[in-house]
């Protein structure tokens, strides 16, 4: 259910979305050896897509950009712990995130992975019309704020403080 300002992704639609993205990757002939998720938003889509593609080698890169609904840092920042990028040299890597909003996180991480010598393609569940960088694969495009099933309720700490 969505309103004029929000796109709501349910768990059921999430499963269908990630399988649709995986099918698009297979249809394109790309066979990743490694799936790298952008933490935190890309962790669940990354795992679901890795399972759908039969890829067992997975990793994560921690990036912070959004600090709240509609609030963000000036630029995306890498956070610890750092992934061992040396392993990726010469490998086909699928980078997965939940959404390509501005595209700046994707641009940062794709550049980082390519500098490590990986052949990189990117996938997201959603992309926004104004994204400066388009992922290679995505499920749906929307201009709205997206309520993901894993983050829409906020933390239990915030919930319990209300």
N, C-alpha and C. Protein backbone atom coordinates (compact mmCIF):
# COMPACT_ATOMS: atom_id res chain seq x y z
N UNK A 1 0.84 -1.18 0.00
CA UNK A 1 0.00 0.00 0.00
C UNK A 1 0.88 1.24 0.00
N UNK A 2 0.57 2.17 -0.84
CA UNK A 2 1.37 3.38 -0.94
C UNK A 2 0.45 4.58 -0.91
N UNK A 3 0.99 5.70 -0.51
CA UNK A 3 0.26 6.94 -0.62
C UNK A 3 1.06 7.84 -1.55
N UNK A 4 0.70 9.09 -1.63
CA UNK A 4 1.36 10.00 -2.56
C UNK A 4 2.84 10.19 -2.25
N UNK A 5 3.23 9.98 -0.98
CA UNK A 5 4.61 10.23 -0.57
C UNK A 5 5.43 8.97 -0.32
N UNK A 6 4.77 7.82 -0.10
CA UNK A 6 5.47 6.60 0.28
C UNK A 6 5.16 5.43 -0.63
N UNK A 7 6.19 4.66 -0.90
CA UNK A 7 6.09 3.37 -1.57
C UNK A 7 6.33 2.34 -0.47
N UNK A 8 5.42 1.41 -0.27
CA UNK A 8 5.55 0.42 0.79
C UNK A 8 5.89 -0.93 0.17
N UNK A 9 7.03 -1.47 0.57
CA UNK A 9 7.43 -2.79 0.11
C UNK A 9 7.11 -3.79 1.21
N UNK A 10 6.30 -4.79 0.89
CA UNK A 10 5.98 -5.85 1.86
C UNK A 10 7.01 -6.96 1.74
N UNK A 11 7.04 -7.84 2.73
CA UNK A 11 7.95 -8.98 2.66
C UNK A 11 7.65 -9.84 1.43
N UNK A 12 6.37 -10.04 1.14
CA UNK A 12 5.99 -10.87 -0.01
C UNK A 12 6.48 -10.24 -1.32
N UNK A 13 6.28 -8.95 -1.47
CA UNK A 13 6.74 -8.27 -2.68
C UNK A 13 8.27 -8.23 -2.73
N UNK A 14 8.91 -8.16 -1.57
CA UNK A 14 10.37 -8.18 -1.52
C UNK A 14 10.90 -9.48 -2.14
N UNK A 15 10.29 -10.61 -1.77
CA UNK A 15 10.71 -11.89 -2.33
C UNK A 15 10.54 -11.93 -3.84
N UNK A 16 9.41 -11.45 -4.33
CA UNK A 16 9.17 -11.42 -5.77
C UNK A 16 10.15 -10.45 -6.45
N UNK A 17 10.42 -9.32 -5.82
CA UNK A 17 11.32 -8.31 -6.39
C UNK A 17 12.74 -8.84 -6.54
N UNK A 18 13.25 -9.47 -5.50
CA UNK A 18 14.63 -9.95 -5.56
C UNK A 18 14.78 -11.10 -6.56
N UNK A 19 13.77 -11.93 -6.67
CA UNK A 19 13.82 -13.00 -7.67
C UNK A 19 13.73 -12.43 -9.09
N UNK A 20 12.96 -11.37 -9.27
CA UNK A 20 12.88 -10.72 -10.58
C UNK A 20 14.23 -10.11 -10.96
N UNK A 21 14.89 -9.50 -10.00
CA UNK A 21 16.22 -8.93 -10.27
C UNK A 21 17.19 -10.06 -10.63
N UNK A 22 17.15 -11.15 -9.89
CA UNK A 22 18.04 -12.29 -10.17
C UNK A 22 17.77 -12.84 -11.57
N UNK A 23 16.51 -12.94 -11.96
CA UNK A 23 16.18 -13.44 -13.31
C UNK A 23 16.72 -12.49 -14.39
N UNK A 24 16.67 -11.19 -14.15
CA UNK A 24 17.21 -10.22 -15.11
C UNK A 24 18.72 -10.38 -15.25
N UNK A 25 19.39 -10.66 -14.15
CA UNK A 25 20.85 -10.86 -14.18
C UNK A 25 21.19 -12.11 -15.00
N UNK A 26 20.46 -13.19 -14.74
CA UNK A 26 20.68 -14.43 -15.49
C UNK A 26 20.38 -14.21 -16.97
N UNK A 27 19.28 -13.54 -17.27
CA UNK A 27 18.91 -13.30 -18.67
C UNK A 27 19.96 -12.46 -19.39
N UNK A 28 20.64 -11.61 -18.65
CA UNK A 28 21.68 -10.76 -19.23
C UNK A 28 22.99 -11.51 -19.45
N UNK A 29 23.09 -12.71 -18.86
CA UNK A 29 24.30 -13.51 -19.04
C UNK A 29 25.41 -13.20 -18.05
N UNK A 30 25.13 -12.36 -17.06
CA UNK A 30 26.15 -12.05 -16.05
C UNK A 30 26.09 -13.12 -14.96
N UNK A 31 27.24 -13.72 -14.65
CA UNK A 31 27.31 -14.77 -13.64
C UNK A 31 28.28 -14.34 -12.55
N UNK A 32 27.79 -13.63 -11.54
CA UNK A 32 28.71 -13.16 -10.50
C UNK A 32 29.31 -14.31 -9.70
N UNK A 33 30.56 -14.11 -9.32
CA UNK A 33 31.24 -15.06 -8.44
C UNK A 33 31.07 -14.64 -6.98
N UNK A 34 30.88 -13.34 -6.78
CA UNK A 34 30.77 -12.78 -5.44
C UNK A 34 29.64 -11.77 -5.43
N UNK A 35 28.84 -11.78 -4.37
CA UNK A 35 27.83 -10.74 -4.15
C UNK A 35 28.31 -9.89 -2.98
N UNK A 36 28.38 -8.59 -3.22
CA UNK A 36 28.76 -7.64 -2.17
C UNK A 36 27.55 -6.75 -1.90
N UNK A 37 27.13 -6.72 -0.65
CA UNK A 37 25.99 -5.91 -0.24
C UNK A 37 26.49 -4.61 0.38
N UNK A 38 25.74 -3.54 0.14
CA UNK A 38 26.00 -2.28 0.82
C UNK A 38 25.23 -2.33 2.14
N UNK A 39 25.97 -2.32 3.24
CA UNK A 39 25.33 -2.38 4.55
C UNK A 39 24.89 -0.98 4.94
N UNK A 40 23.70 -0.88 5.46
CA UNK A 40 22.84 -1.91 5.94
C UNK A 40 21.73 -2.26 4.97
N UNK A 41 21.25 -1.29 4.21
CA UNK A 41 20.08 -1.50 3.37
C UNK A 41 20.21 -2.60 2.35
N UNK A 42 21.41 -2.87 1.87
CA UNK A 42 21.59 -3.89 0.85
C UNK A 42 21.81 -5.29 1.40
N UNK A 43 21.89 -5.44 2.72
CA UNK A 43 22.18 -6.76 3.28
C UNK A 43 21.10 -7.79 2.95
N UNK A 44 19.85 -7.45 3.20
CA UNK A 44 18.79 -8.42 2.93
C UNK A 44 18.57 -8.64 1.43
N UNK A 45 18.51 -7.58 0.61
CA UNK A 45 18.43 -7.84 -0.83
C UNK A 45 19.65 -8.61 -1.35
N UNK A 46 20.83 -8.29 -0.86
CA UNK A 46 22.04 -8.97 -1.30
C UNK A 46 21.98 -10.46 -0.99
N UNK A 47 21.56 -10.80 0.20
CA UNK A 47 21.43 -12.22 0.58
C UNK A 47 20.39 -12.92 -0.25
N UNK A 48 19.24 -12.28 -0.45
CA UNK A 48 18.16 -12.90 -1.23
C UNK A 48 18.59 -13.12 -2.68
N UNK A 49 19.26 -12.13 -3.26
CA UNK A 49 19.70 -12.26 -4.65
C UNK A 49 20.82 -13.29 -4.76
N UNK A 50 21.72 -13.33 -3.79
CA UNK A 50 22.78 -14.34 -3.80
C UNK A 50 22.17 -15.74 -3.75
N UNK A 51 21.17 -15.97 -2.90
CA UNK A 51 20.50 -17.27 -2.87
C UNK A 51 19.84 -17.57 -4.20
N UNK A 52 19.15 -16.58 -4.77
CA UNK A 52 18.44 -16.79 -6.04
C UNK A 52 19.40 -17.12 -7.18
N UNK A 53 20.63 -16.61 -7.11
CA UNK A 53 21.63 -16.87 -8.14
C UNK A 53 22.52 -18.07 -7.82
N UNK A 54 22.39 -18.62 -6.61
CA UNK A 54 23.24 -19.74 -6.20
C UNK A 54 24.67 -19.33 -5.88
N UNK A 55 24.87 -18.06 -5.53
CA UNK A 55 26.20 -17.55 -5.20
C UNK A 55 26.42 -17.67 -3.69
N UNK A 56 27.51 -18.33 -3.30
CA UNK A 56 27.80 -18.54 -1.88
C UNK A 56 28.82 -17.56 -1.32
N UNK A 57 29.60 -16.94 -2.18
CA UNK A 57 30.62 -16.00 -1.71
C UNK A 57 29.99 -14.62 -1.60
N UNK A 58 29.86 -14.16 -0.37
CA UNK A 58 29.20 -12.88 -0.11
C UNK A 58 30.05 -12.04 0.83
N UNK A 59 29.91 -10.74 0.69
CA UNK A 59 30.59 -9.80 1.58
C UNK A 59 29.74 -8.55 1.72
N UNK A 60 30.22 -7.63 2.53
CA UNK A 60 29.49 -6.38 2.75
C UNK A 60 30.47 -5.23 2.89
N UNK A 61 30.03 -4.10 2.40
CA UNK A 61 30.77 -2.84 2.58
C UNK A 61 29.84 -1.91 3.33
N UNK A 62 30.34 -1.36 4.43
CA UNK A 62 29.55 -0.48 5.27
C UNK A 62 29.67 0.96 4.80
N UNK A 63 28.53 1.53 4.42
CA UNK A 63 28.49 2.91 3.95
C UNK A 63 27.36 3.63 4.67
N UNK A 64 27.64 4.83 5.15
CA UNK A 64 26.60 5.66 5.74
C UNK A 64 26.39 6.86 4.85
N UNK A 65 25.11 7.13 4.54
CA UNK A 65 24.78 8.33 3.77
C UNK A 65 23.52 8.95 4.38
N UNK A 66 22.45 8.14 4.48
CA UNK A 66 21.23 8.64 5.10
C UNK A 66 21.33 8.54 6.61
N UNK A 67 20.96 9.61 7.28
CA UNK A 67 20.98 9.62 8.74
C UNK A 67 19.57 9.59 9.31
N UNK A 68 18.57 9.65 8.47
CA UNK A 68 17.17 9.62 8.87
C UNK A 68 16.31 9.81 7.64
N UNK A 69 15.01 9.90 7.83
CA UNK A 69 14.09 10.09 6.71
C UNK A 69 14.38 11.45 6.07
N UNK A 70 14.90 11.41 4.86
CA UNK A 70 15.16 12.64 4.13
C UNK A 70 16.38 13.43 4.58
N UNK A 71 17.15 12.89 5.53
CA UNK A 71 18.36 13.59 5.98
C UNK A 71 19.58 12.75 5.66
N UNK A 72 20.62 13.43 5.17
CA UNK A 72 21.81 12.69 4.77
C UNK A 72 23.06 13.51 5.03
N UNK A 73 24.19 12.81 4.98
CA UNK A 73 25.49 13.45 5.09
C UNK A 73 25.78 14.18 3.78
N UNK A 74 26.83 15.00 3.78
CA UNK A 74 27.22 15.69 2.54
C UNK A 74 27.69 14.71 1.47
N UNK A 75 28.30 13.62 1.90
CA UNK A 75 28.79 12.60 0.97
C UNK A 75 28.75 11.25 1.68
N UNK A 76 28.60 10.16 0.92
CA UNK A 76 28.63 8.84 1.57
C UNK A 76 30.00 8.58 2.18
N UNK A 77 29.99 7.90 3.33
CA UNK A 77 31.24 7.61 4.04
C UNK A 77 31.36 6.11 4.29
N UNK A 78 32.57 5.58 4.06
CA UNK A 78 32.84 4.19 4.39
C UNK A 78 33.02 4.06 5.89
N UNK A 79 32.45 3.02 6.46
CA UNK A 79 32.55 2.76 7.90
C UNK A 79 33.26 1.42 8.12
N UNK A 80 33.88 1.26 9.28
CA UNK A 80 34.47 -0.05 9.61
C UNK A 80 33.36 -1.03 9.97
N UNK A 81 33.64 -2.32 9.92
CA UNK A 81 34.89 -2.94 9.50
C UNK A 81 35.01 -2.92 7.98
N UNK A 82 36.23 -2.89 7.52
CA UNK A 82 36.50 -2.83 6.08
C UNK A 82 36.57 -4.23 5.48
N UNK A 83 36.03 -4.36 4.30
CA UNK A 83 36.06 -5.62 3.58
C UNK A 83 37.44 -5.84 2.96
N UNK A 84 37.87 -7.10 2.85
CA UNK A 84 39.13 -7.45 2.20
C UNK A 84 38.92 -7.35 0.70
N UNK A 85 39.29 -6.21 0.13
CA UNK A 85 39.07 -5.98 -1.30
C UNK A 85 40.05 -6.74 -2.17
N UNK A 86 41.19 -7.14 -1.63
CA UNK A 86 42.19 -7.87 -2.41
C UNK A 86 41.65 -9.15 -3.00
N UNK A 87 40.71 -9.78 -2.33
CA UNK A 87 40.11 -11.03 -2.79
C UNK A 87 39.33 -10.84 -4.10
N UNK A 88 38.85 -9.63 -4.35
CA UNK A 88 37.95 -9.39 -5.47
C UNK A 88 38.65 -9.20 -6.81
N UNK A 89 39.96 -9.03 -6.80
CA UNK A 89 40.70 -8.78 -8.05
C UNK A 89 40.45 -9.90 -9.05
N UNK A 90 40.03 -9.51 -10.26
CA UNK A 90 39.79 -10.47 -11.32
C UNK A 90 38.48 -11.23 -11.22
N UNK A 91 37.67 -10.93 -10.22
CA UNK A 91 36.40 -11.66 -10.04
C UNK A 91 35.22 -10.82 -10.53
N UNK A 92 34.15 -11.54 -10.92
CA UNK A 92 32.89 -10.91 -11.29
C UNK A 92 32.10 -10.66 -10.01
N UNK A 93 31.80 -9.39 -9.76
CA UNK A 93 31.15 -8.99 -8.51
C UNK A 93 29.82 -8.31 -8.80
N UNK A 94 28.80 -8.74 -8.09
CA UNK A 94 27.51 -8.06 -8.13
C UNK A 94 27.39 -7.25 -6.85
N UNK A 95 27.28 -5.95 -6.99
CA UNK A 95 27.07 -5.05 -5.87
C UNK A 95 25.57 -4.83 -5.70
N UNK A 96 25.06 -5.04 -4.49
CA UNK A 96 23.62 -4.93 -4.25
C UNK A 96 23.32 -3.92 -3.14
N UNK A 97 22.34 -3.07 -3.42
CA UNK A 97 21.84 -2.13 -2.41
C UNK A 97 20.31 -2.12 -2.51
N UNK A 98 19.67 -1.50 -1.53
CA UNK A 98 18.21 -1.47 -1.55
C UNK A 98 17.67 -0.47 -2.56
N UNK A 99 18.32 0.70 -2.68
CA UNK A 99 17.80 1.74 -3.57
C UNK A 99 18.94 2.59 -4.11
N UNK A 100 18.82 2.98 -5.36
CA UNK A 100 19.71 3.99 -5.94
C UNK A 100 18.93 5.30 -5.89
N UNK A 101 19.18 6.09 -4.87
CA UNK A 101 18.44 7.33 -4.67
C UNK A 101 19.17 8.45 -5.40
N UNK A 102 20.25 8.95 -4.82
CA UNK A 102 21.06 9.95 -5.53
C UNK A 102 22.04 9.26 -6.47
N UNK A 103 22.36 8.00 -6.18
CA UNK A 103 23.35 7.27 -6.96
C UNK A 103 24.77 7.44 -6.43
N UNK A 104 24.94 8.29 -5.44
CA UNK A 104 26.29 8.58 -4.94
C UNK A 104 26.91 7.42 -4.18
N UNK A 105 26.11 6.65 -3.44
CA UNK A 105 26.65 5.48 -2.76
C UNK A 105 27.09 4.44 -3.78
N UNK A 106 26.25 4.17 -4.77
CA UNK A 106 26.63 3.22 -5.82
C UNK A 106 27.91 3.66 -6.52
N UNK A 107 27.99 4.94 -6.87
CA UNK A 107 29.18 5.44 -7.56
C UNK A 107 30.43 5.23 -6.72
N UNK A 108 30.36 5.52 -5.43
CA UNK A 108 31.50 5.36 -4.53
C UNK A 108 31.94 3.90 -4.47
N UNK A 109 31.01 3.00 -4.24
CA UNK A 109 31.36 1.60 -4.03
C UNK A 109 31.76 0.92 -5.35
N UNK A 110 31.09 1.22 -6.44
CA UNK A 110 31.50 0.66 -7.73
C UNK A 110 32.92 1.09 -8.04
N UNK A 111 33.23 2.34 -7.82
CA UNK A 111 34.59 2.84 -8.06
C UNK A 111 35.61 2.11 -7.19
N UNK A 112 35.27 1.91 -5.93
CA UNK A 112 36.15 1.22 -4.99
C UNK A 112 36.39 -0.23 -5.43
N UNK A 113 35.34 -0.93 -5.84
CA UNK A 113 35.47 -2.33 -6.26
C UNK A 113 36.24 -2.44 -7.57
N UNK A 114 36.00 -1.53 -8.49
CA UNK A 114 36.74 -1.55 -9.76
C UNK A 114 38.21 -1.25 -9.53
N UNK A 115 38.50 -0.33 -8.62
CA UNK A 115 39.90 -0.02 -8.30
C UNK A 115 40.60 -1.23 -7.70
N UNK A 116 39.82 -2.13 -7.07
CA UNK A 116 40.38 -3.37 -6.51
C UNK A 116 40.55 -4.44 -7.58
N UNK A 117 40.14 -4.15 -8.82
CA UNK A 117 40.33 -5.08 -9.91
C UNK A 117 39.16 -5.98 -10.22
N UNK A 118 37.99 -5.69 -9.65
CA UNK A 118 36.81 -6.51 -9.89
C UNK A 118 36.06 -6.04 -11.13
N UNK A 119 35.40 -6.98 -11.80
CA UNK A 119 34.42 -6.65 -12.83
C UNK A 119 33.10 -6.48 -12.09
N UNK A 120 32.54 -5.29 -12.12
CA UNK A 120 31.41 -4.97 -11.24
C UNK A 120 30.16 -4.64 -12.04
N UNK A 121 29.06 -5.20 -11.57
CA UNK A 121 27.73 -4.76 -11.99
C UNK A 121 26.93 -4.51 -10.72
N UNK A 122 25.94 -3.64 -10.81
CA UNK A 122 25.18 -3.27 -9.62
C UNK A 122 23.70 -3.60 -9.78
N UNK A 123 23.06 -3.87 -8.66
CA UNK A 123 21.64 -4.18 -8.64
C UNK A 123 21.00 -3.54 -7.41
N UNK A 124 19.79 -3.06 -7.58
CA UNK A 124 19.01 -2.52 -6.47
C UNK A 124 17.57 -3.02 -6.60
N UNK A 125 16.85 -2.93 -5.51
CA UNK A 125 15.43 -3.23 -5.57
C UNK A 125 14.73 -2.06 -6.26
N UNK A 126 15.05 -0.86 -5.83
CA UNK A 126 14.45 0.35 -6.39
C UNK A 126 15.52 1.27 -6.95
N UNK A 127 15.10 2.10 -7.88
CA UNK A 127 15.91 3.22 -8.34
C UNK A 127 15.01 4.44 -8.40
N UNK A 128 15.61 5.60 -8.21
CA UNK A 128 14.86 6.86 -8.27
C UNK A 128 15.12 7.53 -9.61
N UNK A 129 14.13 8.25 -10.14
CA UNK A 129 14.30 8.90 -11.44
C UNK A 129 15.49 9.87 -11.48
N UNK A 130 15.82 10.50 -10.38
CA UNK A 130 16.89 11.49 -10.37
C UNK A 130 18.26 10.94 -10.03
N UNK A 131 18.40 9.63 -9.93
CA UNK A 131 19.69 9.05 -9.56
C UNK A 131 20.74 9.36 -10.62
N UNK A 132 21.86 9.89 -10.18
CA UNK A 132 22.96 10.24 -11.10
C UNK A 132 23.59 8.98 -11.69
N UNK A 133 23.54 7.89 -10.95
CA UNK A 133 24.08 6.61 -11.41
C UNK A 133 22.93 5.61 -11.40
N UNK A 134 22.72 4.97 -12.52
CA UNK A 134 21.69 3.95 -12.61
C UNK A 134 22.32 2.59 -12.38
N UNK A 135 21.70 1.75 -11.56
CA UNK A 135 22.22 0.39 -11.42
C UNK A 135 22.05 -0.37 -12.74
N UNK A 136 22.81 -1.43 -12.88
CA UNK A 136 22.67 -2.26 -14.07
C UNK A 136 21.34 -3.02 -14.07
N UNK A 137 20.86 -3.35 -12.86
CA UNK A 137 19.62 -4.10 -12.71
C UNK A 137 18.82 -3.49 -11.56
N UNK A 138 17.51 -3.37 -11.73
CA UNK A 138 16.63 -2.95 -10.65
C UNK A 138 15.24 -3.49 -10.92
N UNK A 139 14.43 -3.51 -9.86
CA UNK A 139 13.08 -4.05 -9.96
C UNK A 139 12.06 -2.98 -10.32
N UNK A 140 12.13 -1.84 -9.65
CA UNK A 140 11.09 -0.83 -9.82
C UNK A 140 11.68 0.56 -9.68
N UNK A 141 11.11 1.51 -10.40
CA UNK A 141 11.51 2.91 -10.28
C UNK A 141 10.38 3.68 -9.62
N UNK A 142 10.73 4.55 -8.66
CA UNK A 142 9.73 5.36 -7.99
C UNK A 142 10.36 6.66 -7.51
N UNK A 143 9.62 7.75 -7.53
CA UNK A 143 10.13 9.00 -6.96
C UNK A 143 9.85 9.11 -5.46
N UNK A 144 9.06 8.19 -4.93
CA UNK A 144 8.60 8.28 -3.53
C UNK A 144 9.63 7.76 -2.53
N UNK A 145 9.43 8.13 -1.27
CA UNK A 145 10.19 7.55 -0.16
C UNK A 145 9.74 6.10 -0.03
N UNK A 146 10.69 5.19 0.19
CA UNK A 146 10.36 3.77 0.24
C UNK A 146 10.39 3.28 1.68
N UNK A 147 9.30 2.64 2.09
CA UNK A 147 9.23 2.00 3.40
C UNK A 147 9.58 0.53 3.20
N UNK A 148 10.81 0.16 3.58
CA UNK A 148 11.25 -1.22 3.46
C UNK A 148 10.78 -2.00 4.69
N UNK A 149 10.45 -3.28 4.53
CA UNK A 149 9.91 -4.03 5.67
C UNK A 149 10.89 -4.17 6.82
N UNK A 150 12.18 -4.11 6.57
CA UNK A 150 13.18 -4.27 7.62
C UNK A 150 13.52 -2.97 8.33
N UNK A 151 13.12 -1.83 7.81
CA UNK A 151 13.53 -0.58 8.44
C UNK A 151 12.40 0.39 8.75
N UNK A 152 11.22 0.17 8.20
CA UNK A 152 10.13 1.15 8.33
C UNK A 152 9.72 1.39 9.78
N UNK A 153 9.80 0.38 10.63
CA UNK A 153 9.37 0.53 12.02
C UNK A 153 10.43 1.20 12.90
N UNK A 154 11.64 1.40 12.39
CA UNK A 154 12.71 1.97 13.21
C UNK A 154 13.25 0.93 14.17
N UNK A 155 14.13 1.35 15.03
CA UNK A 155 14.72 0.40 15.99
C UNK A 155 13.78 0.16 17.16
N UNK A 156 13.96 -0.96 17.83
CA UNK A 156 13.14 -1.23 19.02
C UNK A 156 13.46 -0.25 20.13
N UNK A 157 14.66 0.28 20.14
CA UNK A 157 15.04 1.28 21.14
C UNK A 157 14.20 2.53 20.94
N UNK A 158 14.08 2.98 19.67
CA UNK A 158 13.23 4.14 19.38
C UNK A 158 11.77 3.84 19.70
N UNK A 159 11.33 2.65 19.33
CA UNK A 159 9.96 2.25 19.54
C UNK A 159 9.63 2.21 21.04
N UNK A 160 10.52 1.66 21.84
CA UNK A 160 10.28 1.55 23.28
C UNK A 160 10.35 2.89 24.00
N UNK A 161 11.04 3.87 23.38
CA UNK A 161 11.16 5.20 24.00
C UNK A 161 9.91 6.05 23.79
N UNK A 162 9.04 5.63 22.87
CA UNK A 162 7.83 6.41 22.57
C UNK A 162 6.80 6.28 23.64
